[in-house]
């Protein structure tokens, strides 16, 4: 019974991803726009201070994304804040995300992680 309820809840959440209208132009606004022709690099320490709802950066596959403007729209609620200021690669590639997130995330790209 618990599995059925969990499956229904997951189905509703995933269905909401496709039914909630989005303003794609609003998400392209970045707090720190960069010139895409030149690389910007951030250290883990620099990223780690951006760990709040009002200032949220994440690392995904050694790329840095400023997702602050998306935090309130995130269908998974505060789950996006779990790894704010840290590496979110594992959570980002989890089964809960529809394939469209792989295109969406590029709107928030601000630079690469210093290795």
PDB file of N, CA and C in Angstrom:
ATOM      1  N   UNK A   1       0.820  -1.185   0.000  1.00  0.00           N
ATOM      2  CA  UNK A   1       0.000   0.000   0.000  1.00  0.00           C
ATOM      3  C   UNK A   1       0.874   1.263   0.000  1.00  0.00           C
ATOM      4  N   UNK A   2       1.939   1.254   0.798  1.00  0.00           N
ATOM      5  CA  UNK A   2       2.844   2.396   0.860  1.00  0.00           C
ATOM      6  C   UNK A   2       3.518   2.616  -0.493  1.00  0.00           C
ATOM      7  N   UNK A   3       3.869   1.527  -1.152  1.00  0.00           N
ATOM      8  CA  UNK A   3       4.519   1.626  -2.460  1.00  0.00           C
ATOM      9  C   UNK A   3       3.566   2.244  -3.478  1.00  0.00           C
ATOM     10  N   UNK A   4       2.311   1.861  -3.446  1.00  0.00           N
ATOM     11  CA  UNK A   4       1.315   2.403  -4.371  1.00  0.00           C
ATOM     12  C   UNK A   4       1.147   3.905  -4.134  1.00  0.00           C
ATOM     13  N   UNK A   5       1.058   4.306  -2.882  1.00  0.00           N
ATOM     14  CA  UNK A   5       0.904   5.732  -2.556  1.00  0.00           C
ATOM     15  C   UNK A   5       2.135   6.514  -2.996  1.00  0.00           C
ATOM     16  N   UNK A   6       3.318   5.965  -2.739  1.00  0.00           N
ATOM     17  CA  UNK A   6       4.557   6.628  -3.153  1.00  0.00           C
ATOM     18  C   UNK A   6       4.622   6.751  -4.674  1.00  0.00           C
ATOM     19  N   UNK A   7       4.214   5.716  -5.385  1.00  0.00           N
ATOM     20  CA  UNK A   7       4.217   5.752  -6.852  1.00  0.00           C
ATOM     21  C   UNK A   7       3.239   6.798  -7.373  1.00  0.00           C
ATOM     22  N   UNK A   8       2.067   6.871  -6.759  1.00  0.00           N
ATOM     23  CA  UNK A   8       1.089   7.886  -7.169  1.00  0.00           C
ATOM     24  C   UNK A   8       1.611   9.289  -6.922  1.00  0.00           C
ATOM     25  N   UNK A   9       2.222   9.505  -5.766  1.00  0.00           N
ATOM     26  CA  UNK A   9       2.777  10.818  -5.435  1.00  0.00           C
ATOM     27  C   UNK A   9       3.881  11.204  -6.412  1.00  0.00           C
ATOM     28  N   UNK A  10       4.766  10.268  -6.722  1.00  0.00           N
ATOM     29  CA  UNK A  10       5.831  10.514  -7.679  1.00  0.00           C
ATOM     30  C   UNK A  10       5.261  10.825  -9.063  1.00  0.00           C
ATOM     31  N   UNK A  11       4.217  10.121  -9.465  1.00  0.00           N
ATOM     32  CA  UNK A  11       3.578  10.362 -10.761  1.00  0.00           C
ATOM     33  C   UNK A  11       2.983  11.765 -10.828  1.00  0.00           C
ATOM     34  N   UNK A  12       2.350  12.188  -9.759  1.00  0.00           N
ATOM     35  CA  UNK A  12       1.760  13.530  -9.715  1.00  0.00           C
ATOM     36  C   UNK A  12       2.848  14.592  -9.815  1.00  0.00           C
ATOM     37  N   UNK A  13       3.943  14.408  -9.079  1.00  0.00           N
ATOM     38  CA  UNK A  13       5.035  15.383  -9.120  1.00  0.00           C
ATOM     39  C   UNK A  13       5.678  15.451 -10.503  1.00  0.00           C
ATOM     40  N   UNK A  14       5.917  14.300 -11.106  1.00  0.00           N
ATOM     41  CA  UNK A  14       6.498  14.294 -12.449  1.00  0.00           C
ATOM     42  C   UNK A  14       5.531  14.880 -13.473  1.00  0.00           C
ATOM     43  N   UNK A  15       4.239  14.579 -13.326  1.00  0.00           N
ATOM     44  CA  UNK A  15       3.236  15.156 -14.220  1.00  0.00           C
ATOM     45  C   UNK A  15       3.194  16.666 -14.111  1.00  0.00           C
ATOM     46  N   UNK A  16       3.417  17.186 -12.916  1.00  0.00           N
ATOM     47  CA  UNK A  16       3.403  18.637 -12.716  1.00  0.00           C
ATOM     48  C   UNK A  16       4.523  19.316 -13.502  1.00  0.00           C
ATOM     49  N   UNK A  17       5.631  18.612 -13.719  1.00  0.00           N
ATOM     50  CA  UNK A  17       6.730  19.185 -14.491  1.00  0.00           C
ATOM     51  C   UNK A  17       6.283  19.568 -15.902  1.00  0.00           C
ATOM     52  N   UNK A  18       5.364  18.803 -16.445  1.00  0.00           N
ATOM     53  CA  UNK A  18       4.915  19.051 -17.803  1.00  0.00           C
ATOM     54  C   UNK A  18       3.683  19.946 -17.873  1.00  0.00           C
ATOM     55  N   UNK A  19       2.968  20.079 -16.788  1.00  0.00           N
ATOM     56  CA  UNK A  19       1.733  20.850 -16.789  1.00  0.00           C
ATOM     57  C   UNK A  19       1.897  22.278 -16.300  1.00  0.00           C
ATOM     58  N   UNK A  20       2.912  22.546 -15.496  1.00  0.00           N
ATOM     59  CA  UNK A  20       3.122  23.892 -14.962  1.00  0.00           C
ATOM     60  C   UNK A  20       3.761  24.745 -16.047  1.00  0.00           C
ATOM     61  N   UNK A  21       3.082  25.826 -16.450  1.00  0.00           N
ATOM     62  CA  UNK A  21       3.666  26.691 -17.485  1.00  0.00           C
ATOM     63  C   UNK A  21       4.895  27.408 -16.938  1.00  0.00           C
ATOM     64  N   UNK A  22       5.878  27.600 -17.785  1.00  0.00           N
ATOM     65  CA  UNK A  22       7.099  28.260 -17.375  1.00  0.00           C
ATOM     66  C   UNK A  22       7.405  29.392 -18.320  1.00  0.00           C
ATOM     67  N   UNK A  23       7.971  30.428 -17.792  1.00  0.00           N
ATOM     68  CA  UNK A  23       8.425  31.549 -18.595  1.00  0.00           C
ATOM     69  C   UNK A  23       9.921  31.360 -18.821  1.00  0.00           C
ATOM     70  N   UNK A  24      10.288  30.792 -19.965  1.00  0.00           N
ATOM     71  CA  UNK A  24      11.693  30.473 -20.252  1.00  0.00           C
ATOM     72  C   UNK A  24      12.577  31.716 -20.213  1.00  0.00           C
ATOM     73  N   UNK A  25      12.043  32.871 -20.614  1.00  0.00           N
ATOM     74  CA  UNK A  25      12.852  34.080 -20.621  1.00  0.00           C
ATOM     75  C   UNK A  25      13.229  34.514 -19.215  1.00  0.00           C
ATOM     76  N   UNK A  26      12.347  34.312 -18.253  1.00  0.00           N
ATOM     77  CA  UNK A  26      12.629  34.718 -16.874  1.00  0.00           C
ATOM     78  C   UNK A  26      13.794  33.919 -16.308  1.00  0.00           C
ATOM     79  N   UNK A  27      13.944  32.678 -16.714  1.00  0.00           N
ATOM     80  CA  UNK A  27      15.009  31.856 -16.167  1.00  0.00           C
ATOM     81  C   UNK A  27      16.362  32.140 -16.811  1.00  0.00           C
ATOM     82  N   UNK A  28      16.387  32.849 -17.889  1.00  0.00           N
ATOM     83  CA  UNK A  28      17.648  33.155 -18.529  1.00  0.00           C
ATOM     84  C   UNK A  28      18.345  34.346 -17.889  1.00  0.00           C
ATOM     85  N   UNK A  29      17.674  35.021 -16.979  1.00  0.00           N
ATOM     86  CA  UNK A  29      18.278  36.126 -16.267  1.00  0.00           C
ATOM     87  C   UNK A  29      19.227  35.549 -15.226  1.00  0.00           C
ATOM     88  N   UNK A  30      20.468  35.984 -15.264  1.00  0.00           N
ATOM     89  CA  UNK A  30      21.461  35.486 -14.331  1.00  0.00           C
ATOM     90  C   UNK A  30      21.972  36.633 -13.478  1.00  0.00           C
ATOM     91  N   UNK A  31      22.302  36.312 -12.252  1.00  0.00           N
ATOM     92  CA  UNK A  31      22.865  37.326 -11.380  1.00  0.00           C
ATOM     93  C   UNK A  31      24.272  37.706 -11.806  1.00  0.00           C
ATOM     94  N   UNK A  32      24.994  36.759 -12.359  1.00  0.00           N
ATOM     95  CA  UNK A  32      26.379  36.977 -12.765  1.00  0.00           C
ATOM     96  C   UNK A  32      26.578  36.572 -14.216  1.00  0.00           C
ATOM     97  N   UNK A  33      26.030  37.333 -15.175  1.00  0.00           N
ATOM     98  CA  UNK A  33      26.197  36.929 -16.568  1.00  0.00           C
ATOM     99  C   UNK A  33      27.673  36.937 -16.955  1.00  0.00           C
ATOM    100  N   UNK A  34      28.051  35.965 -17.780  1.00  0.00           N
ATOM    101  CA  UNK A  34      29.439  35.897 -18.218  1.00  0.00           C
ATOM    102  C   UNK A  34      29.492  35.867 -19.734  1.00  0.00           C
ATOM    103  N   UNK A  35      30.616  36.222 -20.252  1.00  0.00           N
ATOM    104  CA  UNK A  35      30.876  36.119 -21.674  1.00  0.00           C
ATOM    105  C   UNK A  35      31.176  34.653 -21.956  1.00  0.00           C
ATOM    106  N   UNK A  36      30.310  33.988 -22.719  1.00  0.00           N
ATOM    107  CA  UNK A  36      30.444  32.545 -22.961  1.00  0.00           C
ATOM    108  C   UNK A  36      31.740  32.200 -23.689  1.00  0.00           C
ATOM    109  N   UNK A  37      32.393  33.186 -24.321  1.00  0.00           N
ATOM    110  CA  UNK A  37      33.617  32.884 -25.044  1.00  0.00           C
ATOM    111  C   UNK A  37      34.826  32.810 -24.108  1.00  0.00           C
ATOM    112  N   UNK A  38      34.721  33.328 -22.897  1.00  0.00           N
ATOM    113  CA  UNK A  38      35.829  33.232 -21.950  1.00  0.00           C
ATOM    114  C   UNK A  38      35.384  32.425 -20.740  1.00  0.00           C
ATOM    115  N   UNK A  39      36.253  31.569 -20.281  1.00  0.00           N
ATOM    116  CA  UNK A  39      35.936  30.699 -19.148  1.00  0.00           C
ATOM    117  C   UNK A  39      36.130  31.458 -17.836  1.00  0.00           C
ATOM    118  N   UNK A  40      35.214  31.213 -16.916  1.00  0.00           N
ATOM    119  CA  UNK A  40      35.333  31.718 -15.558  1.00  0.00           C
ATOM    120  C   UNK A  40      35.450  30.492 -14.667  1.00  0.00           C
ATOM    121  N   UNK A  41      36.362  30.543 -13.712  1.00  0.00           N
ATOM    122  CA  UNK A  41      36.580  29.415 -12.816  1.00  0.00           C
ATOM    123  C   UNK A  41      36.312  29.823 -11.376  1.00  0.00           C
ATOM    124  N   UNK A  42      35.695  28.904 -10.629  1.00  0.00           N
ATOM    125  CA  UNK A  42      35.394  29.119  -9.221  1.00  0.00           C
ATOM    126  C   UNK A  42      35.979  27.961  -8.415  1.00  0.00           C
ATOM    127  N   UNK A  43      36.524  28.284  -7.250  1.00  0.00           N
ATOM    128  CA  UNK A  43      37.005  27.236  -6.348  1.00  0.00           C
ATOM    129  C   UNK A  43      35.820  26.695  -5.556  1.00  0.00           C
ATOM    130  N   UNK A  44      36.020  25.518  -4.941  1.00  0.00           N
ATOM    131  CA  UNK A  44      34.959  24.954  -4.085  1.00  0.00           C
ATOM    132  C   UNK A  44      34.651  25.912  -2.936  1.00  0.00           C
ATOM    133  N   UNK A  45      35.669  26.584  -2.415  1.00  0.00           N
ATOM    134  CA  UNK A  45      35.445  27.540  -1.329  1.00  0.00           C
ATOM    135  C   UNK A  45      34.582  28.713  -1.784  1.00  0.00           C
ATOM    136  N   UNK A  46      34.810  29.194  -2.998  1.00  0.00           N
ATOM    137  CA  UNK A  46      33.990  30.293  -3.530  1.00  0.00           C
ATOM    138  C   UNK A  46      32.535  29.854  -3.694  1.00  0.00           C
ATOM    139  N   UNK A  47      32.332  28.657  -4.190  1.00  0.00           N
ATOM    140  CA  UNK A  47      30.976  28.146  -4.399  1.00  0.00           C
ATOM    141  C   UNK A  47      30.289  27.912  -3.054  1.00  0.00           C
ATOM    142  N   UNK A  48      31.024  27.439  -2.075  1.00  0.00           N
ATOM    143  CA  UNK A  48      30.427  27.036  -0.793  1.00  0.00           C
ATOM    144  C   UNK A  48      29.728  28.172  -0.045  1.00  0.00           C
ATOM    145  N   UNK A  49      30.094  29.419  -0.297  1.00  0.00           N
ATOM    146  CA  UNK A  49      29.430  30.533   0.406  1.00  0.00           C
ATOM    147  C   UNK A  49      28.058  30.856  -0.189  1.00  0.00           C
ATOM    148  N   UNK A  50      27.740  30.299  -1.330  1.00  0.00           N
ATOM    149  CA  UNK A  50      26.450  30.525  -2.002  1.00  0.00           C
ATOM    150  C   UNK A  50      25.522  29.359  -1.665  1.00  0.00           C
ATOM    151  N   UNK A  51      25.129  29.280  -0.398  1.00  0.00           N
ATOM    152  CA  UNK A  51      24.439  28.096   0.109  1.00  0.00           C
ATOM    153  C   UNK A  51      23.097  28.408   0.764  1.00  0.00           C
ATOM    154  N   UNK A  52      22.448  29.474   0.269  1.00  0.00           N
ATOM    155  CA  UNK A  52      21.171  29.886   0.853  1.00  0.00           C
ATOM    156  C   UNK A  52      20.085  29.958  -0.221  1.00  0.00           C
ATOM    157  N   UNK A  53      18.856  29.995   0.239  1.00  0.00           N
ATOM    158  CA  UNK A  53      17.712  30.124  -0.657  1.00  0.00           C
ATOM    159  C   UNK A  53      17.851  31.372  -1.542  1.00  0.00           C
ATOM    160  N   UNK A  54      18.365  32.447  -0.991  1.00  0.00           N
ATOM    161  CA  UNK A  54      18.478  33.715  -1.714  1.00  0.00           C
ATOM    162  C   UNK A  54      19.800  33.860  -2.461  1.00  0.00           C
ATOM    163  N   UNK A  55      20.657  32.860  -2.376  1.00  0.00           N
ATOM    164  CA  UNK A  55      21.956  32.872  -3.052  1.00  0.00           C
ATOM    165  C   UNK A  55      22.410  31.422  -3.157  1.00  0.00           C
ATOM    166  N   UNK A  56      21.985  30.757  -4.224  1.00  0.00           N
ATOM    167  CA  UNK A  56      22.162  29.310  -4.324  1.00  0.00           C
ATOM    168  C   UNK A  56      22.929  28.930  -5.588  1.00  0.00           C
ATOM    169  N   UNK A  57      24.153  28.449  -5.385  1.00  0.00           N
ATOM    170  CA  UNK A  57      24.958  27.915  -6.464  1.00  0.00           C
ATOM    171  C   UNK A  57      25.131  26.420  -6.233  1.00  0.00           C
ATOM    172  N   UNK A  58      25.235  25.667  -7.328  1.00  0.00           N
ATOM    173  CA  UNK A  58      25.494  24.236  -7.236  1.00  0.00           C
ATOM    174  C   UNK A  58      26.555  23.842  -8.254  1.00  0.00           C
ATOM    175  N   UNK A  59      27.206  22.735  -7.968  1.00  0.00           N
ATOM    176  CA  UNK A  59      28.200  22.162  -8.878  1.00  0.00           C
ATOM    177  C   UNK A  59      27.598  20.886  -9.462  1.00  0.00           C
ATOM    178  N   UNK A  60      27.638  20.774 -10.788  1.00  0.00           N
ATOM    179  CA  UNK A  60      27.183  19.574 -11.462  1.00  0.00           C
ATOM    180  C   UNK A  60      28.236  19.215 -12.508  1.00  0.00           C
ATOM    181  N   UNK A  61      28.853  18.073 -12.316  1.00  0.00           N
ATOM    182  CA  UNK A  61      29.917  17.600 -13.216  1.00  0.00           C
ATOM    183  C   UNK A  61      30.981  18.681 -13.452  1.00  0.00           C
ATOM    184  N   UNK A  62      31.465  19.262 -12.368  1.00  0.00           N
ATOM    185  CA  UNK A  62      32.542  20.254 -12.383  1.00  0.00           C
ATOM    186  C   UNK A  62      32.194  21.549 -13.112  1.00  0.00           C
ATOM    187  N   UNK A  63      30.898  21.821 -13.271  1.00  0.00           N
ATOM    188  CA  UNK A  63      30.437  23.100 -13.783  1.00  0.00           C
ATOM    189  C   UNK A  63      29.635  23.776 -12.677  1.00  0.00           C
ATOM    190  N   UNK A  64      29.697  25.102 -12.634  1.00  0.00           N
ATOM    191  CA  UNK A  64      29.030  25.866 -11.578  1.00  0.00           C
ATOM    192  C   UNK A  64      27.795  26.550 -12.156  1.00  0.00           C
ATOM    193  N   UNK A  65      26.691  26.436 -11.411  1.00  0.00           N
ATOM    194  CA  UNK A  65      25.417  27.001 -11.842  1.00  0.00           C
ATOM    195  C   UNK A  65      24.829  27.858 -10.719  1.00  0.00           C
ATOM    196  N   UNK A  66      24.360  29.038 -11.075  1.00  0.00           N
ATOM    197  CA  UNK A  66      23.661  29.902 -10.126  1.00  0.00           C
ATOM    198  C   UNK A  66      22.168  29.646 -10.327  1.00  0.00           C
ATOM    199  N   UNK A  67      21.576  28.855  -9.438  1.00  0.00           N
ATOM    200  CA  UNK A  67      20.173  28.456  -9.564  1.00  0.00           C
ATOM    201  C   UNK A  67      19.261  29.255  -8.630  1.00  0.00           C
ATOM    202  N   UNK A  68      19.750  30.372  -8.122  1.00  0.00           N
ATOM    203  CA  UNK A  68      18.980  31.187  -7.173  1.00  0.00           C
ATOM    204  C   UNK A  68      17.591  31.512  -7.706  1.00  0.00           C
ATOM    205  N   UNK A  69      17.503  31.919  -8.947  1.00  0.00           N
ATOM    206  CA  UNK A  69      16.205  32.310  -9.508  1.00  0.00           C
ATOM    207  C   UNK A  69      15.265  31.128  -9.709  1.00  0.00           C
ATOM    208  N   UNK A  70      15.764  29.913  -9.598  1.00  0.00           N
ATOM    209  CA  UNK A  70      14.949  28.717  -9.800  1.00  0.00           C
ATOM    210  C   UNK A  70      14.506  28.058  -8.490  1.00  0.00           C
ATOM    211  N   UNK A  71      15.118  28.425  -7.385  1.00  0.00           N
ATOM    212  CA  UNK A  71      14.842  27.760  -6.106  1.00  0.00           C
ATOM    213  C   UNK A  71      13.351  27.721  -5.786  1.00  0.00           C
ATOM    214  N   UNK A  72      12.672  28.837  -5.920  1.00  0.00           N
ATOM    215  CA  UNK A  72      11.248  28.889  -5.574  1.00  0.00           C
ATOM    216  C   UNK A  72      10.370  28.122  -6.563  1.00  0.00           C
ATOM    217  N   UNK A  73      10.851  27.914  -7.789  1.00  0.00           N
ATOM    218  CA  UNK A  73      10.085  27.192  -8.810  1.00  0.00           C
ATOM    219  C   UNK A  73      10.353  25.691  -8.804  1.00  0.00           C
ATOM    220  N   UNK A  74      11.364  25.257  -8.082  1.00  0.00           N
ATOM    221  CA  UNK A  74      11.775  23.861  -8.103  1.00  0.00           C
ATOM    222  C   UNK A  74      10.622  22.950  -7.679  1.00  0.00           C
ATOM    223  N   UNK A  75      10.192  22.043  -8.565  1.00  0.00           N
ATOM    224  CA  UNK A  75       9.055  21.166  -8.244  1.00  0.00           C
ATOM    225  C   UNK A  75       9.311  20.262  -7.039  1.00  0.00           C
ATOM    226  N   UNK A  76      10.565  20.009  -6.731  1.00  0.00           N
ATOM    227  CA  UNK A  76      10.906  19.168  -5.590  1.00  0.00           C
ATOM    228  C   UNK A  76      11.037  19.956  -4.296  1.00  0.00           C
ATOM    229  N   UNK A  77      10.552  21.188  -4.302  1.00  0.00           N
ATOM    230  CA  UNK A  77      10.609  22.007  -3.087  1.00  0.00           C
ATOM    231  C   UNK A  77      12.031  22.312  -2.683  1.00  0.00           C
ATOM    232  N   UNK A  78      12.288  22.206  -1.382  1.00  0.00           N
ATOM    233  CA  UNK A  78      13.589  22.567  -0.838  1.00  0.00           C
ATOM    234  C   UNK A  78      14.677  21.533  -1.096  1.00  0.00           C
ATOM    235  N   UNK A  79      14.358  20.467  -1.809  1.00  0.00           N
ATOM    236  CA  UNK A  79      15.371  19.448  -2.111  1.00  0.00           C
ATOM    237  C   UNK A  79      16.556  20.063  -2.851  1.00  0.00           C
ATOM    238  N   UNK A  80      16.315  21.097  -3.611  1.00  0.00           N
ATOM    239  CA  UNK A  80      17.394  21.764  -4.354  1.00  0.00           C
ATOM    240  C   UNK A  80      18.406  22.399  -3.403  1.00  0.00           C
ATOM    241  N   UNK A  81      17.968  22.711  -2.187  1.00  0.00           N
ATOM    242  CA  UNK A  81      18.850  23.350  -1.214  1.00  0.00           C
ATOM    243  C   UNK A  81      19.718  22.343  -0.457  1.00  0.00           C
ATOM    244  N   UNK A  82      19.456  21.058  -0.615  1.00  0.00           N
ATOM    245  CA  UNK A  82      20.201  20.025   0.092  1.00  0.00           C
ATOM    246  C   UNK A  82      21.701  20.147  -0.152  1.00  0.00           C
ATOM    247  N   UNK A  83      22.069  20.457  -1.379  1.00  0.00           N
ATOM    248  CA  UNK A  83      23.488  20.578  -1.720  1.00  0.00           C
ATOM    249  C   UNK A  83      23.832  21.978  -2.214  1.00  0.00           C
ATOM    250  N   UNK A  84      23.121  22.977  -1.721  1.00  0.00           N
ATOM    251  CA  UNK A  84      23.429  24.364  -2.094  1.00  0.00           C
ATOM    252  C   UNK A  84      24.860  24.690  -1.684  1.00  0.00           C
ATOM    253  N   UNK A  85      25.608  25.260  -2.598  1.00  0.00           N
ATOM    254  CA  UNK A  85      27.003  25.582  -2.331  1.00  0.00           C
ATOM    255  C   UNK A  85      27.927  24.382  -2.391  1.00  0.00           C
ATOM    256  N   UNK A  86      27.448  23.292  -2.939  1.00  0.00           N
ATOM    257  CA  UNK A  86      28.214  22.046  -2.945  1.00  0.00           C
ATOM    258  C   UNK A  86      27.932  21.270  -4.233  1.00  0.00           C
ATOM    259  N   UNK A  87      28.461  20.063  -4.317  1.00  0.00           N
ATOM    260  CA  UNK A  87      28.286  19.230  -5.502  1.00  0.00           C
ATOM    261  C   UNK A  87      26.902  18.573  -5.493  1.00  0.00           C
ATOM    262  N   UNK A  88      26.122  18.835  -6.536  1.00  0.00           N
ATOM    263  CA  UNK A  88      24.764  18.299  -6.670  1.00  0.00           C
ATOM    264  C   UNK A  88      24.649  17.287  -7.798  1.00  0.00           C
ATOM    265  N   UNK A  89      25.766  16.805  -8.292  1.00  0.00           N
ATOM    266  CA  UNK A  89      25.757  15.918  -9.448  1.00  0.00           C
ATOM    267  C   UNK A  89      24.876  14.693  -9.237  1.00  0.00           C
ATOM    268  N   UNK A  90      25.054  14.019  -8.120  1.00  0.00           N
ATOM    269  CA  UNK A  90      24.301  12.792  -7.869  1.00  0.00           C
ATOM    270  C   UNK A  90      22.795  13.053  -7.827  1.00  0.00           C
ATOM    271  N   UNK A  91      22.383  14.074  -7.113  1.00  0.00           N
ATOM    272  CA  UNK A  91      20.962  14.403  -7.028  1.00  0.00           C
ATOM    273  C   UNK A  91      20.393  14.865  -8.356  1.00  0.00           C
ATOM    274  N   UNK A  92      21.175  15.622  -9.108  1.00  0.00           N
ATOM    275  CA  UNK A  92      20.710  16.133 -10.399  1.00  0.00           C
ATOM    276  C   UNK A  92      20.419  14.994 -11.370  1.00  0.00           C
ATOM    277  N   UNK A  93      21.251  13.970 -11.353  1.00  0.00           N
ATOM    278  CA  UNK A  93      21.070  12.847 -12.277  1.00  0.00           C
ATOM    279  C   UNK A  93      20.194  11.741 -11.685  1.00  0.00           C
ATOM    280  N   UNK A  94      19.460  12.038 -10.624  1.00  0.00           N
ATOM    281  CA  UNK A  94      18.563  11.065 -10.013  1.00  0.00           C
ATOM    282  C   UNK A  94      17.347  10.792 -10.879  1.00  0.00           C
ATOM    283  N   UNK A  95      16.625   9.731 -10.566  1.00  0.00           N
ATOM    284  CA  UNK A  95      15.478   9.311 -11.379  1.00  0.00           C
ATOM    285  C   UNK A  95      14.283  10.264 -11.294  1.00  0.00           C
ATOM    286  N   UNK A  96      14.297  11.193 -10.361  1.00  0.00           N
ATOM    287  CA  UNK A  96      13.170  12.104 -10.193  1.00  0.00           C
ATOM    288  C   UNK A  96      13.131  13.207 -11.252  1.00  0.00           C
ATOM    289  N   UNK A  97      14.205  13.393 -11.988  1.00  0.00           N
ATOM    290  CA  UNK A  97      14.246  14.477 -12.964  1.00  0.00           C
ATOM    291  C   UNK A  97      13.876  14.008 -14.370  1.00  0.00           C
ATOM    292  N   UNK A  98      13.017  14.781 -15.004  1.00  0.00           N
ATOM    293  CA  UNK A  98      12.679  14.530 -16.412  1.00  0.00           C
ATOM    294  C   UNK A  98      13.871  14.964 -17.270  1.00  0.00           C
ATOM    295  N   UNK A  99      13.933  14.479 -18.494  1.00  0.00           N
ATOM    296  CA  UNK A  99      15.076  14.775 -19.354  1.00  0.00           C
ATOM    297  C   UNK A  99      15.203  16.255 -19.694  1.00  0.00           C
ATOM    298  N   UNK A 100      14.134  17.014 -19.580  1.00  0.00           N
ATOM    299  CA  UNK A 100      14.218  18.444 -19.936  1.00  0.00           C
ATOM    300  C   UNK A 100      15.123  19.237 -18.996  1.00  0.00           C
ATOM    301  N   UNK A 101      15.392  18.728 -17.787  1.00  0.00           N
ATOM    302  CA  UNK A 101      16.270  19.457 -16.875  1.00  0.00           C
ATOM    303  C   UNK A 101      17.686  19.547 -17.424  1.00  0.00           C
ATOM    304  N   UNK A 102      18.068  18.611 -18.281  1.00  0.00           N
ATOM    305  CA  UNK A 102      19.414  18.632 -18.839  1.00  0.00           C
ATOM    306  C   UNK A 102      19.595  19.816 -19.790  1.00  0.00           C
ATOM    307  N   UNK A 103      18.528  20.259 -20.431  1.00  0.00           N
ATOM    308  CA  UNK A 103      18.578  21.465 -21.265  1.00  0.00           C
ATOM    309  C   UNK A 103      18.421  22.716 -20.408  1.00  0.00           C
ATOM    310  N   UNK A 104      17.538  22.656 -19.445  1.00  0.00           N
ATOM    311  CA  UNK A 104      17.256  23.815 -18.583  1.00  0.00           C
ATOM    312  C   UNK A 104      18.480  24.284 -17.813  1.00  0.00           C
ATOM    313  N   UNK A 105      19.294  23.357 -17.336  1.00  0.00           N
ATOM    314  CA  UNK A 105      20.388  23.716 -16.437  1.00  0.00           C
ATOM    315  C   UNK A 105      21.386  24.649 -17.109  1.00  0.00           C
ATOM    316  N   UNK A 106      21.536  24.545 -18.408  1.00  0.00           N
ATOM    317  CA  UNK A 106      22.499  25.398 -19.110  1.00  0.00           C
ATOM    318  C   UNK A 106      22.143  26.883 -19.015  1.00  0.00           C
ATOM    319  N   UNK A 107      20.871  27.199 -18.776  1.00  0.00           N
ATOM    320  CA  UNK A 107      20.460  28.592 -18.599  1.00  0.00           C
ATOM    321  C   UNK A 107      21.083  29.213 -17.353  1.00  0.00           C
ATOM    322  N   UNK A 108      21.558  28.392 -16.428  1.00  0.00           N
ATOM    323  CA  UNK A 108      22.072  28.862 -15.149  1.00  0.00           C
ATOM    324  C   UNK A 108      23.593  28.749 -15.031  1.00  0.00           C
ATOM    325  N   UNK A 109      24.247  28.309 -16.080  1.00  0.00           N
ATOM    326  CA  UNK A 109      25.703  28.115 -16.080  1.00  0.00           C
ATOM    327  C   UNK A 109      26.430  29.442 -15.878  1.00  0.00           C
ATOM    328  N   UNK A 110      27.394  29.457 -14.948  1.00  0.00           N
ATOM    329  CA  UNK A 110      28.189  30.677 -14.731  1.00  0.00           C
ATOM    330  C   UNK A 110      29.677  30.434 -14.832  1.00  0.00           C
ATOM    331  N   UNK A 111      30.124  29.194 -14.828  1.00  0.00           N
ATOM    332  CA  UNK A 111      31.561  28.931 -14.951  1.00  0.00           C
ATOM    333  C   UNK A 111      31.893  27.493 -14.622  1.00  0.00           C
ATOM    334  N   UNK A 112      33.184  27.223 -14.569  1.00  0.00           N
ATOM    335  CA  UNK A 112      33.664  25.884 -14.274  1.00  0.00           C
ATOM    336  C   UNK A 112      34.323  25.839 -12.900  1.00  0.00           C
ATOM    337  N   UNK A 113      34.403  24.657 -12.358  1.00  0.00           N
ATOM    338  CA  UNK A 113      35.033  24.445 -11.063  1.00  0.00           C
ATOM    339  C   UNK A 113      36.545  24.352 -11.265  1.00  0.00           C
ATOM    340  N   UNK A 114      37.312  25.055 -10.424  1.00  0.00           N
ATOM    341  CA  UNK A 114      38.771  24.916 -10.431  1.00  0.00           C
ATOM    342  C   UNK A 114      39.096  23.549  -9.879  1.00  0.00           C
ATOM    343  N   UNK A 115      39.847  22.778 -10.644  1.00  0.00           N
ATOM    344  CA  UNK A 115      40.228  21.425 -10.190  1.00  0.00           C
ATOM    345  C   UNK A 115      41.621  21.413  -9.640  1.00  0.00           C
TER     346      UNK A 115
END
